[in-house]
Amino acid sequence: MKQGGLMIAAVAVAACFQVPSRCLAGEPPGEAPAVNAKPTATASYGVSGGNEPEAPGAAAPTSQSDASKKTLRQKVRSLIGKIAPERLKRDREFEKASAQFQDFCRHWEQNLRDRERANLSKLMFTLKDGFQTATYTGYGDVKTCEAHQSKEGFSIGRITYQEFTYYLAGKTSEEALHGEKKPISDTHTTEIFRWENNKWFY
């Protein structure tokens, strides 16, 4: 009997070592858990202390985000690769165009002088209050002569000047032609030019 009682006590002590909480609660030891039994998963809330493994799918959003950023960078680089050569070409064109625009402005001003002389050569006189009268269009000096690039890089030239309407009067047409010319109106004029095929067009 003593040997049987000792064996029962030994089994109880061993069970308490396996599941101590049950012994402290006064519950009967019962059977000890199997050595190969899998631990029960417990839910975890809040911030972990860093020793617990992350869930298998936790890294998926970051991986997708990195892939999306990489795709966007590739698209941007591809677009720049297509645009940059054309933009560089237009920048080189502008360097050449802007260097020639001052000469173009001087040529344009000479054209205005020639145009005014042509207008004077075609005067139509009318008799008014005993005087021969006529009007014609004349031009002032070039006020603005500048070249710039558009947003797309194209070379654009701009010239501004005054355009006048003159009134002539005299007892004869010859006297009116060589007399005082009176401006009766003026217009601020802006001319826009484009660079194409290695020259300025108007």
N, C-alpha and C. Protein backbone atom coordinates (compact mmCIF):
# COMPACT_ATOMS: atom_id res chain seq x y z
N MET A 1 0.82 -1.19 0.00
CA MET A 1 0.00 0.00 0.00
C MET A 1 0.86 1.25 0.00
N LYS A 2 1.93 1.21 0.85
CA LYS A 2 2.82 2.37 0.90
C LYS A 2 3.42 2.65 -0.46
N GLN A 3 3.85 1.60 -1.15
CA GLN A 3 4.47 1.81 -2.46
C GLN A 3 3.46 2.39 -3.43
N GLY A 4 2.20 1.92 -3.38
CA GLY A 4 1.17 2.46 -4.28
C GLY A 4 0.91 3.92 -3.99
N GLY A 5 0.86 4.29 -2.69
CA GLY A 5 0.62 5.70 -2.34
C GLY A 5 1.75 6.58 -2.78
N LEU A 6 2.98 6.13 -2.64
CA LEU A 6 4.14 6.92 -3.07
C LEU A 6 4.13 7.14 -4.56
N MET A 7 3.73 6.17 -5.31
CA MET A 7 3.70 6.31 -6.77
C MET A 7 2.66 7.32 -7.18
N ILE A 8 1.48 7.31 -6.52
CA ILE A 8 0.43 8.29 -6.85
C ILE A 8 0.91 9.70 -6.55
N ALA A 9 1.60 9.88 -5.41
CA ALA A 9 2.11 11.20 -5.03
C ALA A 9 3.15 11.69 -6.01
N ALA A 10 3.99 10.78 -6.46
CA ALA A 10 5.04 11.17 -7.43
C ALA A 10 4.43 11.64 -8.72
N VAL A 11 3.35 10.95 -9.18
CA VAL A 11 2.68 11.36 -10.42
C VAL A 11 2.05 12.72 -10.25
N ALA A 12 1.47 12.97 -9.07
CA ALA A 12 0.83 14.28 -8.81
C ALA A 12 1.85 15.39 -8.83
N VAL A 13 3.01 15.17 -8.21
CA VAL A 13 4.08 16.20 -8.19
C VAL A 13 4.57 16.48 -9.58
N ALA A 14 4.74 15.43 -10.38
CA ALA A 14 5.20 15.62 -11.77
C ALA A 14 4.20 16.41 -12.55
N ALA A 15 2.91 16.14 -12.32
CA ALA A 15 1.86 16.88 -13.03
C ALA A 15 1.89 18.34 -12.64
N CYS A 16 2.17 18.65 -11.39
CA CYS A 16 2.25 20.04 -10.94
C CYS A 16 3.40 20.77 -11.60
N PHE A 17 4.51 20.09 -11.83
CA PHE A 17 5.63 20.71 -12.56
C PHE A 17 5.24 21.02 -13.99
N GLN A 18 4.38 20.19 -14.63
CA GLN A 18 3.96 20.41 -16.01
C GLN A 18 2.95 21.54 -16.09
N VAL A 19 1.95 21.54 -15.17
CA VAL A 19 0.90 22.57 -15.19
C VAL A 19 0.76 23.14 -13.80
N PRO A 20 1.68 24.04 -13.38
CA PRO A 20 1.68 24.55 -12.00
C PRO A 20 0.45 25.36 -11.69
N SER A 21 -0.15 26.06 -12.63
CA SER A 21 -1.28 26.93 -12.34
C SER A 21 -2.47 26.13 -11.85
N ARG A 22 -2.66 24.99 -12.39
CA ARG A 22 -3.79 24.16 -11.99
C ARG A 22 -3.62 23.68 -10.57
N CYS A 23 -2.36 23.36 -10.15
CA CYS A 23 -2.12 22.91 -8.78
C CYS A 23 -2.39 24.03 -7.81
N LEU A 24 -1.96 25.29 -8.18
CA LEU A 24 -2.15 26.42 -7.28
C LEU A 24 -3.61 26.75 -7.13
N ALA A 25 -4.40 26.53 -8.18
CA ALA A 25 -5.82 26.82 -8.12
C ALA A 25 -6.59 25.74 -7.40
N GLY A 26 -5.92 24.68 -7.01
CA GLY A 26 -6.57 23.61 -6.29
C GLY A 26 -7.27 22.63 -7.17
N GLU A 27 -7.08 22.69 -8.49
CA GLU A 27 -7.71 21.77 -9.41
C GLU A 27 -6.94 20.48 -9.44
N PRO A 28 -7.57 19.40 -9.72
CA PRO A 28 -6.86 18.12 -9.82
C PRO A 28 -5.91 18.16 -11.00
N PRO A 29 -4.74 17.60 -10.88
CA PRO A 29 -3.73 17.66 -11.92
C PRO A 29 -4.20 17.09 -13.23
N GLY A 30 -4.92 16.04 -13.22
CA GLY A 30 -5.34 15.45 -14.49
C GLY A 30 -4.14 14.96 -15.26
N GLU A 31 -4.31 14.95 -16.58
CA GLU A 31 -3.22 14.48 -17.42
C GLU A 31 -2.32 15.61 -17.83
N ALA A 32 -1.02 15.37 -17.86
CA ALA A 32 -0.06 16.38 -18.32
C ALA A 32 -0.18 16.55 -19.82
N PRO A 33 0.00 17.79 -20.35
CA PRO A 33 -0.09 17.99 -21.80
C PRO A 33 1.00 17.23 -22.54
N ALA A 34 0.67 16.80 -23.72
CA ALA A 34 1.65 16.06 -24.53
C ALA A 34 2.81 16.96 -24.88
N VAL A 35 4.00 16.37 -25.00
CA VAL A 35 5.22 17.14 -25.28
C VAL A 35 5.16 17.79 -26.62
N ASN A 36 4.54 17.15 -27.64
CA ASN A 36 4.53 17.67 -29.01
C ASN A 36 3.30 18.51 -29.33
N ALA A 37 2.49 18.79 -28.29
CA ALA A 37 1.26 19.58 -28.54
C ALA A 37 1.63 20.99 -28.98
N LYS A 38 0.86 21.54 -29.93
CA LYS A 38 1.12 22.89 -30.45
C LYS A 38 0.52 23.92 -29.52
N PRO A 39 1.21 25.06 -29.26
CA PRO A 39 0.67 26.08 -28.36
C PRO A 39 -0.52 26.77 -29.01
N THR A 40 -1.45 27.16 -28.16
CA THR A 40 -2.65 27.86 -28.66
C THR A 40 -2.29 29.29 -29.01
N ALA A 41 -2.74 29.75 -30.19
CA ALA A 41 -2.43 31.13 -30.63
C ALA A 41 -3.25 32.09 -29.81
N THR A 42 -2.63 33.18 -29.41
CA THR A 42 -3.32 34.21 -28.62
C THR A 42 -3.32 35.50 -29.39
N ALA A 43 -4.43 36.27 -29.27
CA ALA A 43 -4.53 37.56 -29.97
C ALA A 43 -3.66 38.57 -29.30
N SER A 44 -3.05 39.47 -30.08
CA SER A 44 -2.15 40.49 -29.55
C SER A 44 -2.65 41.85 -30.01
N TYR A 45 -2.78 42.82 -29.12
CA TYR A 45 -3.27 44.16 -29.45
C TYR A 45 -2.24 45.19 -29.04
N GLY A 46 -2.26 46.33 -29.70
CA GLY A 46 -1.33 47.40 -29.36
C GLY A 46 0.02 47.17 -29.99
N VAL A 47 1.04 47.86 -29.47
CA VAL A 47 2.40 47.80 -30.00
C VAL A 47 3.12 46.66 -29.35
N SER A 48 3.75 45.79 -30.14
CA SER A 48 4.48 44.67 -29.58
C SER A 48 5.81 45.13 -29.06
N GLY A 49 6.37 44.31 -28.18
CA GLY A 49 7.67 44.67 -27.61
C GLY A 49 8.80 44.45 -28.55
N GLY A 50 8.53 43.87 -29.74
CA GLY A 50 9.59 43.69 -30.72
C GLY A 50 10.11 42.28 -30.77
N ASN A 51 9.68 41.45 -29.79
CA ASN A 51 10.16 40.07 -29.80
C ASN A 51 9.19 39.13 -30.47
N GLU A 52 7.97 39.65 -30.79
CA GLU A 52 6.98 38.77 -31.38
C GLU A 52 7.08 38.84 -32.89
N PRO A 53 6.96 37.73 -33.57
CA PRO A 53 7.04 37.73 -35.05
C PRO A 53 5.83 38.42 -35.65
N GLU A 54 6.03 39.12 -36.79
CA GLU A 54 4.94 39.81 -37.47
C GLU A 54 4.12 38.82 -38.28
N ALA A 55 2.87 39.24 -38.53
CA ALA A 55 1.99 38.38 -39.33
C ALA A 55 2.57 38.24 -40.73
N PRO A 56 2.34 37.12 -41.38
CA PRO A 56 2.94 36.86 -42.71
C PRO A 56 2.61 37.93 -43.73
N GLY A 57 1.40 38.51 -43.72
CA GLY A 57 1.00 39.48 -44.75
C GLY A 57 1.33 40.92 -44.40
N ALA A 58 2.02 41.19 -43.29
CA ALA A 58 2.25 42.56 -42.84
C ALA A 58 3.09 43.36 -43.81
N ALA A 59 4.06 42.75 -44.50
CA ALA A 59 4.97 43.48 -45.39
C ALA A 59 4.39 43.70 -46.77
N ALA A 60 3.24 43.16 -47.07
CA ALA A 60 2.68 43.24 -48.43
C ALA A 60 2.40 44.66 -48.88
N PRO A 61 1.75 45.58 -48.06
CA PRO A 61 1.48 46.95 -48.53
C PRO A 61 2.75 47.70 -48.90
N THR A 62 3.80 47.56 -48.08
CA THR A 62 5.07 48.25 -48.37
C THR A 62 5.65 47.76 -49.69
N SER A 63 5.58 46.46 -49.91
CA SER A 63 6.11 45.89 -51.15
C SER A 63 5.35 46.42 -52.36
N GLN A 64 4.01 46.50 -52.25
CA GLN A 64 3.20 47.03 -53.35
C GLN A 64 3.49 48.49 -53.60
N SER A 65 3.67 49.27 -52.50
CA SER A 65 3.97 50.70 -52.63
C SER A 65 5.30 50.92 -53.33
N ASP A 66 6.31 50.13 -52.96
CA ASP A 66 7.62 50.26 -53.60
C ASP A 66 7.53 49.93 -55.09
N ALA A 67 6.73 48.91 -55.43
CA ALA A 67 6.58 48.53 -56.84
C ALA A 67 5.90 49.64 -57.62
N SER A 68 4.89 50.28 -56.99
CA SER A 68 4.17 51.38 -57.65
C SER A 68 5.09 52.57 -57.89
N LYS A 69 5.92 52.93 -56.89
CA LYS A 69 6.87 54.04 -57.04
C LYS A 69 7.89 53.74 -58.13
N LYS A 70 8.34 52.50 -58.19
CA LYS A 70 9.32 52.12 -59.21
C LYS A 70 8.73 52.26 -60.60
N THR A 71 7.47 51.84 -60.75
CA THR A 71 6.80 51.95 -62.05
C THR A 71 6.65 53.41 -62.46
N LEU A 72 6.28 54.28 -61.51
CA LEU A 72 6.13 55.71 -61.79
C LEU A 72 7.45 56.33 -62.20
N ARG A 73 8.53 55.99 -61.49
CA ARG A 73 9.86 56.51 -61.85
C ARG A 73 10.25 56.08 -63.26
N GLN A 74 9.95 54.83 -63.60
CA GLN A 74 10.28 54.35 -64.94
C GLN A 74 9.52 55.12 -66.01
N LYS A 75 8.24 55.43 -65.74
CA LYS A 75 7.45 56.19 -66.70
C LYS A 75 7.99 57.61 -66.87
N VAL A 76 8.36 58.24 -65.75
CA VAL A 76 8.90 59.60 -65.80
C VAL A 76 10.21 59.62 -66.58
N ARG A 77 11.08 58.67 -66.30
CA ARG A 77 12.36 58.61 -67.02
C ARG A 77 12.16 58.38 -68.50
N SER A 78 11.19 57.53 -68.84
CA SER A 78 10.90 57.28 -70.25
C SER A 78 10.41 58.54 -70.94
N LEU A 79 9.54 59.30 -70.24
CA LEU A 79 8.99 60.54 -70.81
C LEU A 79 10.09 61.57 -70.99
N ILE A 80 10.95 61.71 -69.99
CA ILE A 80 12.07 62.67 -70.08
C ILE A 80 12.99 62.29 -71.22
N GLY A 81 13.20 60.99 -71.38
CA GLY A 81 14.07 60.52 -72.47
C GLY A 81 13.55 60.91 -73.84
N LYS A 82 12.21 60.98 -73.97
CA LYS A 82 11.61 61.36 -75.25
C LYS A 82 11.61 62.86 -75.45
N ILE A 83 11.36 63.62 -74.36
CA ILE A 83 11.22 65.07 -74.47
C ILE A 83 12.57 65.78 -74.51
N ALA A 84 13.51 65.34 -73.70
CA ALA A 84 14.78 66.05 -73.53
C ALA A 84 15.51 66.31 -74.84
N PRO A 85 15.67 65.35 -75.74
CA PRO A 85 16.41 65.63 -76.98
C PRO A 85 15.77 66.75 -77.79
N GLU A 86 14.43 66.77 -77.87
CA GLU A 86 13.74 67.81 -78.62
C GLU A 86 13.90 69.17 -77.94
N ARG A 87 13.85 69.19 -76.62
CA ARG A 87 14.01 70.44 -75.88
C ARG A 87 15.43 70.98 -76.04
N LEU A 88 16.41 70.10 -75.97
CA LEU A 88 17.80 70.52 -76.16
C LEU A 88 18.00 71.11 -77.56
N LYS A 89 17.34 70.51 -78.54
CA LYS A 89 17.43 71.03 -79.91
C LYS A 89 16.86 72.45 -79.98
N ARG A 90 15.73 72.68 -79.33
CA ARG A 90 15.11 74.01 -79.34
C ARG A 90 15.93 75.02 -78.56
N ASP A 91 16.59 74.57 -77.49
CA ASP A 91 17.47 75.48 -76.74
C ASP A 91 18.64 75.94 -77.60
N ARG A 92 19.20 75.01 -78.37
CA ARG A 92 20.31 75.38 -79.27
C ARG A 92 19.82 76.32 -80.37
N GLU A 93 18.61 76.07 -80.87
CA GLU A 93 18.04 76.96 -81.89
C GLU A 93 17.85 78.37 -81.33
N PHE A 94 17.42 78.46 -80.07
CA PHE A 94 17.18 79.78 -79.47
C PHE A 94 18.48 80.56 -79.31
N GLU A 95 19.56 79.88 -78.95
CA GLU A 95 20.85 80.56 -78.84
C GLU A 95 21.22 81.23 -80.16
N LYS A 96 21.01 80.52 -81.24
CA LYS A 96 21.32 81.07 -82.55
C LYS A 96 20.33 82.15 -82.95
N ALA A 97 19.05 81.92 -82.69
CA ALA A 97 18.00 82.86 -83.07
C ALA A 97 18.14 84.19 -82.33
N SER A 98 18.37 84.13 -81.02
CA SER A 98 18.48 85.35 -80.23
C SER A 98 19.71 86.17 -80.62
N ALA A 99 20.79 85.48 -81.02
CA ALA A 99 22.00 86.19 -81.45
C ALA A 99 21.76 86.97 -82.75
N GLN A 100 20.83 86.50 -83.57
CA GLN A 100 20.56 87.15 -84.86
C GLN A 100 19.41 88.15 -84.82
N PHE A 101 18.69 88.20 -83.69
CA PHE A 101 17.47 89.00 -83.68
C PHE A 101 17.73 90.50 -83.72
N GLN A 102 18.82 90.97 -83.15
CA GLN A 102 19.13 92.40 -83.19
C GLN A 102 19.32 92.87 -84.63
N ASP A 103 20.02 92.09 -85.42
CA ASP A 103 20.18 92.44 -86.84
C ASP A 103 18.83 92.40 -87.55
N PHE A 104 18.00 91.44 -87.18
CA PHE A 104 16.67 91.35 -87.78
C PHE A 104 15.85 92.61 -87.46
N CYS A 105 15.97 93.11 -86.23
CA CYS A 105 15.23 94.31 -85.83
C CYS A 105 15.67 95.52 -86.65
N ARG A 106 16.97 95.64 -86.87
CA ARG A 106 17.47 96.75 -87.68
C ARG A 106 16.95 96.65 -89.12
N HIS A 107 16.91 95.44 -89.62
CA HIS A 107 16.37 95.20 -90.96
C HIS A 107 14.88 95.54 -91.01
N TRP A 108 14.17 95.19 -89.96
CA TRP A 108 12.73 95.48 -89.90
C TRP A 108 12.48 96.99 -89.85
N GLU A 109 13.29 97.69 -89.09
CA GLU A 109 13.14 99.15 -89.01
C GLU A 109 13.38 99.79 -90.38
N GLN A 110 14.35 99.27 -91.12
CA GLN A 110 14.59 99.77 -92.47
C GLN A 110 13.38 99.48 -93.37
N ASN A 111 12.76 98.34 -93.16
CA ASN A 111 11.54 98.02 -93.93
C ASN A 111 10.43 99.04 -93.66
N LEU A 112 10.33 99.48 -92.41
CA LEU A 112 9.32 100.49 -92.07
C LEU A 112 9.60 101.81 -92.80
N ARG A 113 10.88 102.17 -92.88
CA ARG A 113 11.23 103.41 -93.60
C ARG A 113 10.87 103.28 -95.09
N ASP A 114 11.18 102.13 -95.65
CA ASP A 114 10.86 101.90 -97.06
C ASP A 114 9.35 101.91 -97.29
N ARG A 115 8.63 101.36 -96.34
CA ARG A 115 7.17 101.33 -96.47
C ARG A 115 6.59 102.74 -96.40
N GLU A 116 7.15 103.57 -95.52
CA GLU A 116 6.65 104.95 -95.41
C GLU A 116 6.93 105.74 -96.69
N ARG A 117 8.11 105.55 -97.26
CA ARG A 117 8.42 106.23 -98.52
C ARG A 117 7.47 105.77 -99.63
N ALA A 118 7.16 104.47 -99.62
CA ALA A 118 6.22 103.95 -100.63
C ALA A 118 4.84 104.58 -100.43
N ASN A 119 4.43 104.78 -99.19
CA ASN A 119 3.14 105.41 -98.92
C ASN A 119 3.11 106.87 -99.41
N LEU A 120 4.24 107.56 -99.23
CA LEU A 120 4.32 108.96 -99.70
C LEU A 120 4.27 109.04 -101.22
N SER A 121 4.80 108.03 -101.87
CA SER A 121 4.82 108.05 -103.35
C SER A 121 3.45 107.78 -103.95
N LYS A 122 2.51 107.34 -103.13
CA LYS A 122 1.18 106.99 -103.65
C LYS A 122 0.09 107.89 -103.05
N LEU A 123 0.45 109.11 -102.71
CA LEU A 123 -0.53 110.02 -102.09
C LEU A 123 -1.66 110.37 -103.05
N MET A 124 -2.85 110.46 -102.50
CA MET A 124 -4.03 110.86 -103.25
C MET A 124 -4.53 112.18 -102.64
N PHE A 125 -4.32 113.31 -103.37
CA PHE A 125 -4.70 114.62 -102.86
C PHE A 125 -6.15 114.93 -103.20
N THR A 126 -6.77 115.63 -102.26
CA THR A 126 -8.13 116.12 -102.48
C THR A 126 -8.19 117.60 -102.11
N LEU A 127 -9.01 118.37 -102.85
CA LEU A 127 -9.15 119.80 -102.60
C LEU A 127 -10.14 120.01 -101.45
N LYS A 128 -9.69 120.74 -100.42
CA LYS A 128 -10.54 121.00 -99.26
C LYS A 128 -10.30 122.41 -98.75
N ASP A 129 -11.33 123.23 -98.82
CA ASP A 129 -11.25 124.62 -98.36
C ASP A 129 -10.12 125.37 -99.06
N GLY A 130 -9.91 125.08 -100.32
CA GLY A 130 -8.90 125.77 -101.10
C GLY A 130 -7.50 125.19 -100.93
N PHE A 131 -7.34 124.06 -100.23
CA PHE A 131 -6.03 123.44 -100.02
C PHE A 131 -6.02 122.00 -100.54
N GLN A 132 -4.86 121.63 -101.04
CA GLN A 132 -4.65 120.24 -101.43
C GLN A 132 -4.29 119.44 -100.16
N THR A 133 -5.07 118.44 -99.85
CA THR A 133 -4.85 117.67 -98.61
C THR A 133 -4.69 116.18 -98.93
N ALA A 134 -3.99 115.54 -98.04
CA ALA A 134 -3.80 114.08 -98.16
C ALA A 134 -3.40 113.51 -96.81
N THR A 135 -3.60 112.24 -96.64
CA THR A 135 -3.15 111.53 -95.43
C THR A 135 -2.34 110.31 -95.86
N TYR A 136 -1.44 109.90 -94.99
CA TYR A 136 -0.66 108.68 -95.25
C TYR A 136 -0.19 108.11 -93.92
N THR A 137 0.29 106.87 -93.97
CA THR A 137 0.76 106.17 -92.76
C THR A 137 2.28 106.24 -92.69
N GLY A 138 2.75 106.64 -91.52
CA GLY A 138 4.20 106.66 -91.26
C GLY A 138 4.51 105.85 -90.01
N TYR A 139 5.80 105.69 -89.72
CA TYR A 139 6.21 104.80 -88.62
C TYR A 139 7.29 105.44 -87.78
N GLY A 140 7.22 105.21 -86.48
CA GLY A 140 8.24 105.68 -85.57
C GLY A 140 9.39 104.67 -85.48
N ASP A 141 10.33 104.97 -84.59
CA ASP A 141 11.47 104.07 -84.39
C ASP A 141 11.02 102.81 -83.65
N VAL A 142 11.79 101.75 -83.84
CA VAL A 142 11.53 100.51 -83.10
C VAL A 142 11.82 100.75 -81.62
N LYS A 143 10.85 100.45 -80.77
CA LYS A 143 11.00 100.68 -79.33
C LYS A 143 11.45 99.43 -78.58
N THR A 144 10.94 98.30 -79.00
CA THR A 144 11.27 97.04 -78.32
C THR A 144 11.74 96.02 -79.35
N CYS A 145 12.84 95.37 -79.01
CA CYS A 145 13.38 94.34 -79.89
C CYS A 145 13.90 93.22 -78.98
N GLU A 146 13.10 92.17 -78.81
CA GLU A 146 13.49 91.12 -77.88
C GLU A 146 13.06 89.75 -78.37
N ALA A 147 13.85 88.76 -78.01
CA ALA A 147 13.56 87.36 -78.36
C ALA A 147 13.43 86.56 -77.07
N HIS A 148 12.52 85.61 -77.07
CA HIS A 148 12.35 84.74 -75.91
C HIS A 148 11.84 83.38 -76.38
N GLN A 149 11.82 82.44 -75.44
CA GLN A 149 11.32 81.10 -75.73
C GLN A 149 9.92 80.93 -75.17
N SER A 150 9.10 80.20 -75.92
CA SER A 150 7.77 79.83 -75.42
C SER A 150 7.94 78.73 -74.38
N LYS A 151 6.85 78.34 -73.72
CA LYS A 151 6.92 77.26 -72.73
C LYS A 151 7.40 75.96 -73.36
N GLU A 152 7.08 75.79 -74.63
CA GLU A 152 7.51 74.57 -75.32
C GLU A 152 8.93 74.67 -75.85
N GLY A 153 9.55 75.86 -75.72
CA GLY A 153 10.93 76.03 -76.16
C GLY A 153 11.10 76.67 -77.52
N PHE A 154 10.00 77.02 -78.19
CA PHE A 154 10.12 77.63 -79.51
C PHE A 154 10.62 79.07 -79.40
N SER A 155 11.38 79.51 -80.40
CA SER A 155 11.94 80.86 -80.41
C SER A 155 10.91 81.86 -80.95
N ILE A 156 10.66 82.90 -80.16
CA ILE A 156 9.67 83.92 -80.51
C ILE A 156 10.35 85.29 -80.45
N GLY A 157 10.10 86.11 -81.47
CA GLY A 157 10.64 87.47 -81.50
C GLY A 157 9.52 88.49 -81.38
N ARG A 158 9.81 89.63 -80.75
CA ARG A 158 8.79 90.67 -80.59
C ARG A 158 9.41 92.05 -80.86
N ILE A 159 8.73 92.82 -81.69
CA ILE A 159 9.14 94.18 -82.02
C ILE A 159 7.94 95.11 -81.80
N THR A 160 8.17 96.24 -81.16
CA THR A 160 7.10 97.23 -80.99
C THR A 160 7.54 98.57 -81.55
N TYR A 161 6.58 99.33 -82.06
CA TYR A 161 6.83 100.66 -82.60
C TYR A 161 5.51 101.41 -82.71
N GLN A 162 5.58 102.70 -82.98
CA GLN A 162 4.39 103.53 -83.16
C GLN A 162 4.07 103.67 -84.65
N GLU A 163 2.80 103.59 -84.95
CA GLU A 163 2.31 103.79 -86.32
C GLU A 163 1.44 105.06 -86.34
N PHE A 164 1.76 105.99 -87.23
CA PHE A 164 1.07 107.29 -87.25
C PHE A 164 0.29 107.48 -88.54
N THR A 165 -0.77 108.22 -88.42
CA THR A 165 -1.48 108.73 -89.60
C THR A 165 -1.19 110.23 -89.69
N TYR A 166 -0.55 110.65 -90.81
CA TYR A 166 -0.16 112.05 -90.98
C TYR A 166 -1.12 112.76 -91.94
N TYR A 167 -1.30 114.05 -91.65
CA TYR A 167 -2.16 114.89 -92.50
C TYR A 167 -1.29 115.96 -93.17
N LEU A 168 -1.44 116.10 -94.49
CA LEU A 168 -0.70 117.09 -95.25
C LEU A 168 -1.68 118.08 -95.88
N ALA A 169 -1.25 119.34 -95.97
CA ALA A 169 -2.11 120.37 -96.60
C ALA A 169 -1.22 121.47 -97.17
N GLY A 170 -1.62 121.99 -98.34
CA GLY A 170 -0.88 123.08 -98.98
C GLY A 170 -1.69 123.63 -100.14
N LYS A 171 -1.25 124.79 -100.64
CA LYS A 171 -1.96 125.38 -101.78
C LYS A 171 -1.82 124.51 -103.02
N THR A 172 -0.69 123.80 -103.08
CA THR A 172 -0.48 122.83 -104.16
C THR A 172 -0.06 121.50 -103.54
N SER A 173 -0.15 120.45 -104.31
CA SER A 173 0.26 119.15 -103.81
C SER A 173 1.74 119.11 -103.48
N GLU A 174 2.54 119.85 -104.29
CA GLU A 174 3.98 119.91 -104.02
C GLU A 174 4.25 120.61 -102.71
N GLU A 175 3.54 121.69 -102.48
CA GLU A 175 3.72 122.42 -101.22
C GLU A 175 3.28 121.56 -100.04
N ALA A 176 2.19 120.84 -100.20
CA ALA A 176 1.71 119.96 -99.12
C ALA A 176 2.71 118.84 -98.84
N LEU A 177 3.30 118.31 -99.89
CA LEU A 177 4.23 117.21 -99.74
C LEU A 177 5.48 117.61 -98.98
N HIS A 178 5.93 118.85 -99.20
CA HIS A 178 7.15 119.32 -98.53
C HIS A 178 6.86 120.17 -97.30
N GLY A 179 5.60 120.31 -96.98
CA GLY A 179 5.24 121.10 -95.81
C GLY A 179 5.25 120.26 -94.53
N GLU A 180 4.66 120.83 -93.50
CA GLU A 180 4.63 120.16 -92.20
C GLU A 180 3.65 118.99 -92.23
N LYS A 181 4.09 117.90 -91.68
CA LYS A 181 3.18 116.74 -91.57
C LYS A 181 2.63 116.71 -90.14
N LYS A 182 1.32 116.67 -90.03
CA LYS A 182 0.67 116.71 -88.73
C LYS A 182 0.10 115.32 -88.40
N PRO A 183 0.54 114.73 -87.28
CA PRO A 183 -0.03 113.43 -86.88
C PRO A 183 -1.45 113.62 -86.35
N ILE A 184 -2.38 112.89 -86.88
CA ILE A 184 -3.77 112.98 -86.42
C ILE A 184 -4.20 111.72 -85.66
N SER A 185 -3.39 110.71 -85.68
CA SER A 185 -3.66 109.50 -84.87
C SER A 185 -2.37 108.69 -84.77
N ASP A 186 -2.30 107.90 -83.73
CA ASP A 186 -1.15 106.99 -83.59
C ASP A 186 -1.60 105.69 -82.95
N THR A 187 -0.90 104.63 -83.31
CA THR A 187 -1.24 103.28 -82.83
C THR A 187 0.02 102.59 -82.35
N HIS A 188 -0.06 102.02 -81.15
CA HIS A 188 1.05 101.21 -80.65
C HIS A 188 0.96 99.83 -81.32
N THR A 189 2.01 99.49 -82.04
CA THR A 189 1.99 98.24 -82.82
C THR A 189 3.00 97.23 -82.28
N THR A 190 2.56 96.00 -82.18
CA THR A 190 3.43 94.89 -81.76
C THR A 190 3.47 93.85 -82.86
N GLU A 191 4.66 93.50 -83.28
CA GLU A 191 4.84 92.46 -84.30
C GLU A 191 5.47 91.23 -83.65
N ILE A 192 4.92 90.06 -83.95
CA ILE A 192 5.44 88.79 -83.43
C ILE A 192 6.03 87.99 -84.58
N PHE A 193 7.22 87.44 -84.34
CA PHE A 193 7.92 86.68 -85.39
C PHE A 193 8.31 85.30 -84.86
N ARG A 194 8.51 84.38 -85.76
CA ARG A 194 8.91 83.02 -85.39
C ARG A 194 10.22 82.65 -86.09
N TRP A 195 10.96 81.81 -85.43
CA TRP A 195 12.21 81.28 -85.98
C TRP A 195 11.93 79.91 -86.60
N GLU A 196 12.27 79.80 -87.87
CA GLU A 196 12.00 78.54 -88.56
C GLU A 196 13.00 78.37 -89.71
N ASN A 197 13.47 77.14 -89.86
CA ASN A 197 14.45 76.84 -90.91
C ASN A 197 15.66 77.77 -90.85
N ASN A 198 16.12 78.01 -89.63
CA ASN A 198 17.34 78.80 -89.39
C ASN A 198 17.22 80.28 -89.80
N LYS A 199 16.03 80.82 -89.74
CA LYS A 199 15.87 82.26 -89.98
C LYS A 199 14.55 82.74 -89.39
N TRP A 200 14.48 84.09 -89.21
CA TRP A 200 13.27 84.70 -88.69
C TRP A 200 12.27 84.95 -89.81
N PHE A 201 11.00 84.65 -89.52
CA PHE A 201 9.95 84.84 -90.51
C PHE A 201 8.99 85.94 -90.05
N TYR A 202 8.46 86.68 -91.02
CA TYR A 202 7.43 87.68 -90.74
C TYR A 202 6.44 87.74 -91.89
